[in-house]
């Protein structure tokens, strides 16, 4: 276990890459899953809530007392099982790109001002790397939280909505606060939208023929998002 008081730049830039589309996807998942008590059958990789049944993977767990995070692929009771197969991709991605937060089995988050928020950031970034349609976090007892990744094609994945684009970019840029440019390029890449970088602007050719112009200020924050019909 390693103790942390802040995340590495490599991790934060990776999290930023998924911030805008990930936040939108989480909202879709929240609306898709009905309210109600939940159960999980880890051997069968099944999650049930409010009459809905989903195939899931265990993303990770957070220990409230120790303020520590353990990745699902590292869990001694689950290691090598089908329910953590998806999250193994996170560890492999971390090794390929040199991101220690994804390769350490357990992270001591007690050095953060808000360890619970740090755990949510790990869950969010892991969701993005696994390209999962959101994540589900629940109390698994008085001192622990468990996080699941939906691994089910029935979960809706919204396409690019030009009307929602400005709001989704600004929302994503406000989540991590490390690099708004990375938020924008990650969002456009996720939706398969060609882009051109021109100084303090990013230009994107949107479906339907319109062009999005995203302008950044001197502090590399999003200053404006303009949509222009061609």
C-alpha atoms as a PDB file:
ATOM      1  CA  UNK A   1       0.000   0.000   0.000  1.00  0.00           C
ATOM      2  CA  UNK A   2       1.261   3.487  -0.802  1.00  0.00           C
ATOM      3  CA  UNK A   3       0.145   6.609   1.036  1.00  0.00           C
ATOM      4  CA  UNK A   4      -0.982   9.544  -1.072  1.00  0.00           C
ATOM      5  CA  UNK A   5      -1.838  13.167  -0.404  1.00  0.00           C
ATOM      6  CA  UNK A   6      -2.324  14.125  -4.047  1.00  0.00           C
ATOM      7  CA  UNK A   7      -2.711  12.474  -7.423  1.00  0.00           C
ATOM      8  CA  UNK A   8       0.015  12.447 -10.053  1.00  0.00           C
ATOM      9  CA  UNK A   9      -0.194  14.667 -13.133  1.00  0.00           C
ATOM     10  CA  UNK A  10      -0.381  11.552 -15.319  1.00  0.00           C
ATOM     11  CA  UNK A  11      -3.434  10.317 -13.429  1.00  0.00           C
ATOM     12  CA  UNK A  12      -5.183  13.705 -13.394  1.00  0.00           C
ATOM     13  CA  UNK A  13      -4.661  14.203 -17.124  1.00  0.00           C
ATOM     14  CA  UNK A  14      -6.101  10.743 -17.745  1.00  0.00           C
ATOM     15  CA  UNK A  15      -9.103  11.518 -15.530  1.00  0.00           C
ATOM     16  CA  UNK A  16      -9.627  14.796 -17.408  1.00  0.00           C
ATOM     17  CA  UNK A  17      -9.759  12.893 -20.701  1.00  0.00           C
ATOM     18  CA  UNK A  18     -12.957  11.198 -19.537  1.00  0.00           C
ATOM     19  CA  UNK A  19     -14.472  14.036 -17.490  1.00  0.00           C
ATOM     20  CA  UNK A  20     -17.057  15.470 -19.894  1.00  0.00           C
ATOM     21  CA  UNK A  21     -18.392  12.286 -21.491  1.00  0.00           C
ATOM     22  CA  UNK A  22     -18.112  10.442 -18.180  1.00  0.00           C
ATOM     23  CA  UNK A  23     -20.205  12.972 -16.267  1.00  0.00           C
ATOM     24  CA  UNK A  24     -22.893  12.823 -18.959  1.00  0.00           C
ATOM     25  CA  UNK A  25     -22.804   9.029 -18.939  1.00  0.00           C
ATOM     26  CA  UNK A  26     -23.172   8.882 -15.155  1.00  0.00           C
ATOM     27  CA  UNK A  27     -26.308  10.996 -15.415  1.00  0.00           C
ATOM     28  CA  UNK A  28     -27.746   8.595 -17.985  1.00  0.00           C
ATOM     29  CA  UNK A  29     -26.960   5.613 -15.761  1.00  0.00           C
ATOM     30  CA  UNK A  30     -28.583   7.287 -12.752  1.00  0.00           C
ATOM     31  CA  UNK A  31     -31.776   7.786 -14.749  1.00  0.00           C
ATOM     32  CA  UNK A  32     -31.651   4.244 -16.158  1.00  0.00           C
ATOM     33  CA  UNK A  33     -31.309   2.350 -12.869  1.00  0.00           C
ATOM     34  CA  UNK A  34     -34.563   2.397 -10.873  1.00  0.00           C
ATOM     35  CA  UNK A  35     -34.667   3.284  -7.192  1.00  0.00           C
ATOM     36  CA  UNK A  36     -34.839   0.444  -4.701  1.00  0.00           C
ATOM     37  CA  UNK A  37     -32.736  -1.954  -2.643  1.00  0.00           C
ATOM     38  CA  UNK A  38     -29.835  -3.636  -4.392  1.00  0.00           C
ATOM     39  CA  UNK A  39     -28.203  -7.055  -4.303  1.00  0.00           C
ATOM     40  CA  UNK A  40     -25.223  -8.529  -6.112  1.00  0.00           C
ATOM     41  CA  UNK A  41     -24.284 -12.092  -7.022  1.00  0.00           C
ATOM     42  CA  UNK A  42     -20.531 -11.803  -7.615  1.00  0.00           C
ATOM     43  CA  UNK A  43     -20.110 -15.359  -8.842  1.00  0.00           C
ATOM     44  CA  UNK A  44     -22.741 -14.758 -11.526  1.00  0.00           C
ATOM     45  CA  UNK A  45     -21.566 -11.141 -12.161  1.00  0.00           C
ATOM     46  CA  UNK A  46     -25.127  -9.935 -11.618  1.00  0.00           C
ATOM     47  CA  UNK A  47     -26.422  -6.758  -9.954  1.00  0.00           C
ATOM     48  CA  UNK A  48     -30.110  -6.265  -9.183  1.00  0.00           C
ATOM     49  CA  UNK A  49     -31.928  -3.084  -8.186  1.00  0.00           C
ATOM     50  CA  UNK A  50     -35.564  -2.065  -8.461  1.00  0.00           C
ATOM     51  CA  UNK A  51     -36.441  -4.949 -10.767  1.00  0.00           C
ATOM     52  CA  UNK A  52     -33.481  -4.287 -13.092  1.00  0.00           C
ATOM     53  CA  UNK A  53     -30.762  -6.910 -13.536  1.00  0.00           C
ATOM     54  CA  UNK A  54     -27.364  -5.955 -14.953  1.00  0.00           C
ATOM     55  CA  UNK A  55     -24.141  -7.749 -15.638  1.00  0.00           C
ATOM     56  CA  UNK A  56     -21.398  -5.982 -13.654  1.00  0.00           C
ATOM     57  CA  UNK A  57     -17.738  -6.074 -12.680  1.00  0.00           C
ATOM     58  CA  UNK A  58     -16.291  -5.091  -9.313  1.00  0.00           C
ATOM     59  CA  UNK A  59     -14.367  -1.863  -9.859  1.00  0.00           C
ATOM     60  CA  UNK A  60     -13.007  -1.423  -6.341  1.00  0.00           C
ATOM     61  CA  UNK A  61     -13.736  -1.004  -2.650  1.00  0.00           C
ATOM     62  CA  UNK A  62     -13.205   1.839  -0.200  1.00  0.00           C
ATOM     63  CA  UNK A  63     -12.476   1.181   3.477  1.00  0.00           C
ATOM     64  CA  UNK A  64     -14.024   4.001   5.518  1.00  0.00           C
ATOM     65  CA  UNK A  65     -11.940   3.332   8.628  1.00  0.00           C
ATOM     66  CA  UNK A  66      -8.570   2.959   6.900  1.00  0.00           C
ATOM     67  CA  UNK A  67      -9.518   5.496   4.225  1.00  0.00           C
ATOM     68  CA  UNK A  68      -7.994   3.211   1.622  1.00  0.00           C
ATOM     69  CA  UNK A  69      -8.942   2.107  -1.882  1.00  0.00           C
ATOM     70  CA  UNK A  70      -8.439  -1.400  -3.309  1.00  0.00           C
ATOM     71  CA  UNK A  71      -8.909  -2.124  -6.999  1.00  0.00           C
ATOM     72  CA  UNK A  72     -11.218  -5.004  -7.861  1.00  0.00           C
ATOM     73  CA  UNK A  73      -8.497  -6.814  -9.820  1.00  0.00           C
ATOM     74  CA  UNK A  74      -6.342  -6.809  -6.655  1.00  0.00           C
ATOM     75  CA  UNK A  75      -8.974  -8.114  -4.242  1.00  0.00           C
ATOM     76  CA  UNK A  76      -7.585 -11.393  -2.803  1.00  0.00           C
ATOM     77  CA  UNK A  77     -11.030 -12.973  -2.700  1.00  0.00           C
ATOM     78  CA  UNK A  78     -11.830 -12.054  -6.308  1.00  0.00           C
ATOM     79  CA  UNK A  79      -8.467 -12.048  -8.061  1.00  0.00           C
ATOM     80  CA  UNK A  80      -8.616 -13.991 -11.318  1.00  0.00           C
ATOM     81  CA  UNK A  81     -12.405 -14.376 -11.253  1.00  0.00           C
ATOM     82  CA  UNK A  82     -14.793 -13.312 -13.997  1.00  0.00           C
ATOM     83  CA  UNK A  83     -16.268 -10.478 -11.916  1.00  0.00           C
ATOM     84  CA  UNK A  84     -12.977  -8.540 -12.006  1.00  0.00           C
ATOM     85  CA  UNK A  85     -11.932  -9.404 -15.570  1.00  0.00           C
ATOM     86  CA  UNK A  86     -13.025  -5.998 -16.885  1.00  0.00           C
ATOM     87  CA  UNK A  87     -11.123  -4.070 -14.223  1.00  0.00           C
ATOM     88  CA  UNK A  88      -7.919  -5.913 -15.082  1.00  0.00           C
ATOM     89  CA  UNK A  89      -7.815  -3.641 -18.125  1.00  0.00           C
ATOM     90  CA  UNK A  90      -7.303  -0.683 -15.778  1.00  0.00           C
ATOM     91  CA  UNK A  91      -4.155  -2.223 -14.297  1.00  0.00           C
ATOM     92  CA  UNK A  92      -2.786  -3.059 -17.749  1.00  0.00           C
ATOM     93  CA  UNK A  93      -3.494   0.466 -18.968  1.00  0.00           C
ATOM     94  CA  UNK A  94      -1.678   1.886 -15.955  1.00  0.00           C
ATOM     95  CA  UNK A  95       1.412  -0.220 -16.645  1.00  0.00           C
ATOM     96  CA  UNK A  96       1.443   0.722 -20.317  1.00  0.00           C
ATOM     97  CA  UNK A  97       1.164   4.456 -19.595  1.00  0.00           C
ATOM     98  CA  UNK A  98       3.084   4.663 -16.327  1.00  0.00           C
ATOM     99  CA  UNK A  99       0.147   5.666 -14.104  1.00  0.00           C
ATOM    100  CA  UNK A 100       0.858   4.339 -10.614  1.00  0.00           C
ATOM    101  CA  UNK A 101      -2.659   5.001  -9.314  1.00  0.00           C
ATOM    102  CA  UNK A 102      -3.912   2.243 -11.631  1.00  0.00           C
ATOM    103  CA  UNK A 103      -1.169  -0.291 -10.849  1.00  0.00           C
ATOM    104  CA  UNK A 104      -0.967  -0.141  -7.054  1.00  0.00           C
ATOM    105  CA  UNK A 105      -3.232  -2.767  -5.515  1.00  0.00           C
ATOM    106  CA  UNK A 106      -4.192  -0.577  -2.534  1.00  0.00           C
ATOM    107  CA  UNK A 107      -3.950   3.192  -2.100  1.00  0.00           C
ATOM    108  CA  UNK A 108      -3.905   4.895   1.298  1.00  0.00           C
ATOM    109  CA  UNK A 109      -5.961   8.054   0.761  1.00  0.00           C
ATOM    110  CA  UNK A 110      -5.753   9.348   4.342  1.00  0.00           C
ATOM    111  CA  UNK A 111      -3.393  12.136   3.250  1.00  0.00           C
ATOM    112  CA  UNK A 112      -6.093  13.769   1.132  1.00  0.00           C
ATOM    113  CA  UNK A 113      -8.214  16.539   2.628  1.00  0.00           C
ATOM    114  CA  UNK A 114     -11.278  14.553   1.474  1.00  0.00           C
ATOM    115  CA  UNK A 115     -10.389  10.851   1.152  1.00  0.00           C
ATOM    116  CA  UNK A 116     -13.914   9.886   0.111  1.00  0.00           C
ATOM    117  CA  UNK A 117     -13.790  12.327  -2.789  1.00  0.00           C
ATOM    118  CA  UNK A 118     -10.390  10.912  -3.755  1.00  0.00           C
ATOM    119  CA  UNK A 119     -11.945   7.438  -3.859  1.00  0.00           C
ATOM    120  CA  UNK A 120     -14.718   8.727  -6.117  1.00  0.00           C
ATOM    121  CA  UNK A 121     -12.082  10.231  -8.418  1.00  0.00           C
ATOM    122  CA  UNK A 122     -10.352   6.850  -8.660  1.00  0.00           C
ATOM    123  CA  UNK A 123     -13.683   5.189  -9.452  1.00  0.00           C
ATOM    124  CA  UNK A 124     -14.474   7.816 -12.084  1.00  0.00           C
ATOM    125  CA  UNK A 125     -11.085   7.521 -13.786  1.00  0.00           C
ATOM    126  CA  UNK A 126     -11.249   3.724 -13.687  1.00  0.00           C
ATOM    127  CA  UNK A 127     -14.665   3.861 -15.313  1.00  0.00           C
ATOM    128  CA  UNK A 128     -13.205   5.989 -18.092  1.00  0.00           C
ATOM    129  CA  UNK A 129     -10.207   3.765 -18.745  1.00  0.00           C
ATOM    130  CA  UNK A 130     -12.461   0.694 -18.864  1.00  0.00           C
ATOM    131  CA  UNK A 131     -14.839   2.635 -21.161  1.00  0.00           C
ATOM    132  CA  UNK A 132     -17.722   1.496 -18.986  1.00  0.00           C
ATOM    133  CA  UNK A 133     -21.133   3.209 -19.090  1.00  0.00           C
ATOM    134  CA  UNK A 134     -20.847   4.641 -15.571  1.00  0.00           C
ATOM    135  CA  UNK A 135     -20.275   3.166 -12.139  1.00  0.00           C
ATOM    136  CA  UNK A 136     -22.443   2.294  -9.138  1.00  0.00           C
ATOM    137  CA  UNK A 137     -21.255   2.879  -5.570  1.00  0.00           C
ATOM    138  CA  UNK A 138     -22.974   1.452  -2.493  1.00  0.00           C
ATOM    139  CA  UNK A 139     -22.390   0.828   1.177  1.00  0.00           C
ATOM    140  CA  UNK A 140     -21.365  -2.778   1.692  1.00  0.00           C
ATOM    141  CA  UNK A 141     -21.379  -2.572   5.481  1.00  0.00           C
ATOM    142  CA  UNK A 142     -20.738  -0.021   8.213  1.00  0.00           C
ATOM    143  CA  UNK A 143     -17.112   0.533   7.188  1.00  0.00           C
ATOM    144  CA  UNK A 144     -16.887  -0.154   3.464  1.00  0.00           C
ATOM    145  CA  UNK A 145     -18.173   0.915   0.075  1.00  0.00           C
ATOM    146  CA  UNK A 146     -18.185  -1.200  -3.061  1.00  0.00           C
ATOM    147  CA  UNK A 147     -18.113   0.145  -6.608  1.00  0.00           C
ATOM    148  CA  UNK A 148     -19.434  -1.735  -9.636  1.00  0.00           C
ATOM    149  CA  UNK A 149     -18.933  -1.161 -13.361  1.00  0.00           C
ATOM    150  CA  UNK A 150     -21.897  -2.026 -15.589  1.00  0.00           C
ATOM    151  CA  UNK A 151     -20.699  -4.532 -18.166  1.00  0.00           C
ATOM    152  CA  UNK A 152     -23.988  -4.769 -19.994  1.00  0.00           C
ATOM    153  CA  UNK A 153     -24.844  -3.545 -23.529  1.00  0.00           C
ATOM    154  CA  UNK A 154     -28.376  -2.623 -22.435  1.00  0.00           C
ATOM    155  CA  UNK A 155     -27.136   0.427 -20.513  1.00  0.00           C
ATOM    156  CA  UNK A 156     -27.768   3.441 -22.808  1.00  0.00           C
ATOM    157  CA  UNK A 157     -24.786   5.326 -24.183  1.00  0.00           C
ATOM    158  CA  UNK A 158     -25.865   8.764 -25.424  1.00  0.00           C
ATOM    159  CA  UNK A 159     -24.457  10.047 -28.667  1.00  0.00           C
ATOM    160  CA  UNK A 160     -23.179  13.543 -29.259  1.00  0.00           C
ATOM    161  CA  UNK A 161     -25.879  16.157 -28.641  1.00  0.00           C
ATOM    162  CA  UNK A 162     -24.860  19.500 -30.134  1.00  0.00           C
ATOM    163  CA  UNK A 163     -27.349  21.357 -27.926  1.00  0.00           C
ATOM    164  CA  UNK A 164     -25.919  19.767 -24.778  1.00  0.00           C
ATOM    165  CA  UNK A 165     -22.280  20.041 -25.909  1.00  0.00           C
ATOM    166  CA  UNK A 166     -21.445  23.420 -24.288  1.00  0.00           C
ATOM    167  CA  UNK A 167     -22.986  22.395 -20.965  1.00  0.00           C
ATOM    168  CA  UNK A 168     -21.287  18.991 -20.963  1.00  0.00           C
ATOM    169  CA  UNK A 169     -17.875  20.491 -21.714  1.00  0.00           C
ATOM    170  CA  UNK A 170     -18.204  23.106 -18.961  1.00  0.00           C
ATOM    171  CA  UNK A 171     -19.479  20.522 -16.482  1.00  0.00           C
ATOM    172  CA  UNK A 172     -16.573  18.216 -17.289  1.00  0.00           C
ATOM    173  CA  UNK A 173     -14.037  21.018 -17.006  1.00  0.00           C
ATOM    174  CA  UNK A 174     -15.271  21.780 -13.497  1.00  0.00           C
ATOM    175  CA  UNK A 175     -14.802  18.253 -12.134  1.00  0.00           C
ATOM    176  CA  UNK A 176     -11.015  17.867 -11.903  1.00  0.00           C
ATOM    177  CA  UNK A 177      -9.716  21.325 -12.773  1.00  0.00           C
ATOM    178  CA  UNK A 178      -6.348  20.198 -14.146  1.00  0.00           C
ATOM    179  CA  UNK A 179      -6.679  20.719 -17.920  1.00  0.00           C
ATOM    180  CA  UNK A 180      -9.787  21.978 -19.685  1.00  0.00           C
ATOM    181  CA  UNK A 181      -8.125  21.387 -23.046  1.00  0.00           C
ATOM    182  CA  UNK A 182      -7.707  17.725 -22.143  1.00  0.00           C
ATOM    183  CA  UNK A 183     -11.407  17.585 -21.216  1.00  0.00           C
ATOM    184  CA  UNK A 184     -12.393  18.924 -24.634  1.00  0.00           C
ATOM    185  CA  UNK A 185     -10.091  16.730 -26.716  1.00  0.00           C
ATOM    186  CA  UNK A 186     -11.085  13.645 -24.708  1.00  0.00           C
ATOM    187  CA  UNK A 187     -14.788  14.373 -25.179  1.00  0.00           C
ATOM    188  CA  UNK A 188     -14.447  14.895 -28.935  1.00  0.00           C
ATOM    189  CA  UNK A 189     -12.252  11.820 -29.302  1.00  0.00           C
ATOM    190  CA  UNK A 190     -14.781   9.689 -27.387  1.00  0.00           C
ATOM    191  CA  UNK A 191     -17.519  10.784 -29.797  1.00  0.00           C
ATOM    192  CA  UNK A 192     -15.288  10.315 -32.863  1.00  0.00           C
ATOM    193  CA  UNK A 193     -15.374  13.987 -33.834  1.00  0.00           C
ATOM    194  CA  UNK A 194     -12.470  15.363 -35.938  1.00  0.00           C
ATOM    195  CA  UNK A 195     -10.787  18.397 -34.357  1.00  0.00           C
ATOM    196  CA  UNK A 196      -8.180  21.017 -35.178  1.00  0.00           C
ATOM    197  CA  UNK A 197      -6.143  22.913 -32.607  1.00  0.00           C
ATOM    198  CA  UNK A 198      -5.425  26.535 -33.515  1.00  0.00           C
ATOM    199  CA  UNK A 199      -3.631  28.425 -30.755  1.00  0.00           C
ATOM    200  CA  UNK A 200      -6.143  29.199 -28.042  1.00  0.00           C
ATOM    201  CA  UNK A 201      -8.985  27.485 -29.960  1.00  0.00           C
ATOM    202  CA  UNK A 202     -10.139  23.992 -30.768  1.00  0.00           C
ATOM    203  CA  UNK A 203     -12.367  23.609 -33.825  1.00  0.00           C
ATOM    204  CA  UNK A 204     -14.515  20.505 -34.230  1.00  0.00           C
ATOM    205  CA  UNK A 205     -16.545  19.348 -37.237  1.00  0.00           C
ATOM    206  CA  UNK A 206     -19.818  18.148 -35.723  1.00  0.00           C
ATOM    207  CA  UNK A 207     -22.310  15.705 -37.233  1.00  0.00           C
ATOM    208  CA  UNK A 208     -24.798  17.564 -39.408  1.00  0.00           C
ATOM    209  CA  UNK A 209     -22.234  20.012 -40.750  1.00  0.00           C
ATOM    210  CA  UNK A 210     -21.956  22.549 -37.944  1.00  0.00           C
ATOM    211  CA  UNK A 211     -18.643  23.554 -36.359  1.00  0.00           C
ATOM    212  CA  UNK A 212     -17.906  23.932 -32.663  1.00  0.00           C
ATOM    213  CA  UNK A 213     -15.324  26.503 -31.646  1.00  0.00           C
ATOM    214  CA  UNK A 214     -14.003  26.135 -28.102  1.00  0.00           C
ATOM    215  CA  UNK A 215     -11.901  29.072 -26.952  1.00  0.00           C
ATOM    216  CA  UNK A 216      -9.527  29.044 -23.969  1.00  0.00           C
ATOM    217  CA  UNK A 217      -8.389  31.995 -21.866  1.00  0.00           C
ATOM    218  CA  UNK A 218      -4.837  32.766 -20.687  1.00  0.00           C
ATOM    219  CA  UNK A 219      -5.261  30.304 -17.791  1.00  0.00           C
ATOM    220  CA  UNK A 220      -6.324  27.534 -20.209  1.00  0.00           C
ATOM    221  CA  UNK A 221      -9.910  27.586 -18.956  1.00  0.00           C
ATOM    222  CA  UNK A 222     -12.854  27.345 -21.349  1.00  0.00           C
ATOM    223  CA  UNK A 223     -13.721  30.946 -22.193  1.00  0.00           C
ATOM    224  CA  UNK A 224     -16.421  30.306 -24.788  1.00  0.00           C
ATOM    225  CA  UNK A 225     -18.128  27.567 -26.777  1.00  0.00           C
ATOM    226  CA  UNK A 226     -19.632  28.648 -30.090  1.00  0.00           C
ATOM    227  CA  UNK A 227     -21.622  26.593 -32.576  1.00  0.00           C
ATOM    228  CA  UNK A 228     -21.644  27.753 -36.188  1.00  0.00           C
ATOM    229  CA  UNK A 229     -23.691  26.382 -39.051  1.00  0.00           C
ATOM    230  CA  UNK A 230     -21.732  25.843 -42.253  1.00  0.00           C
END
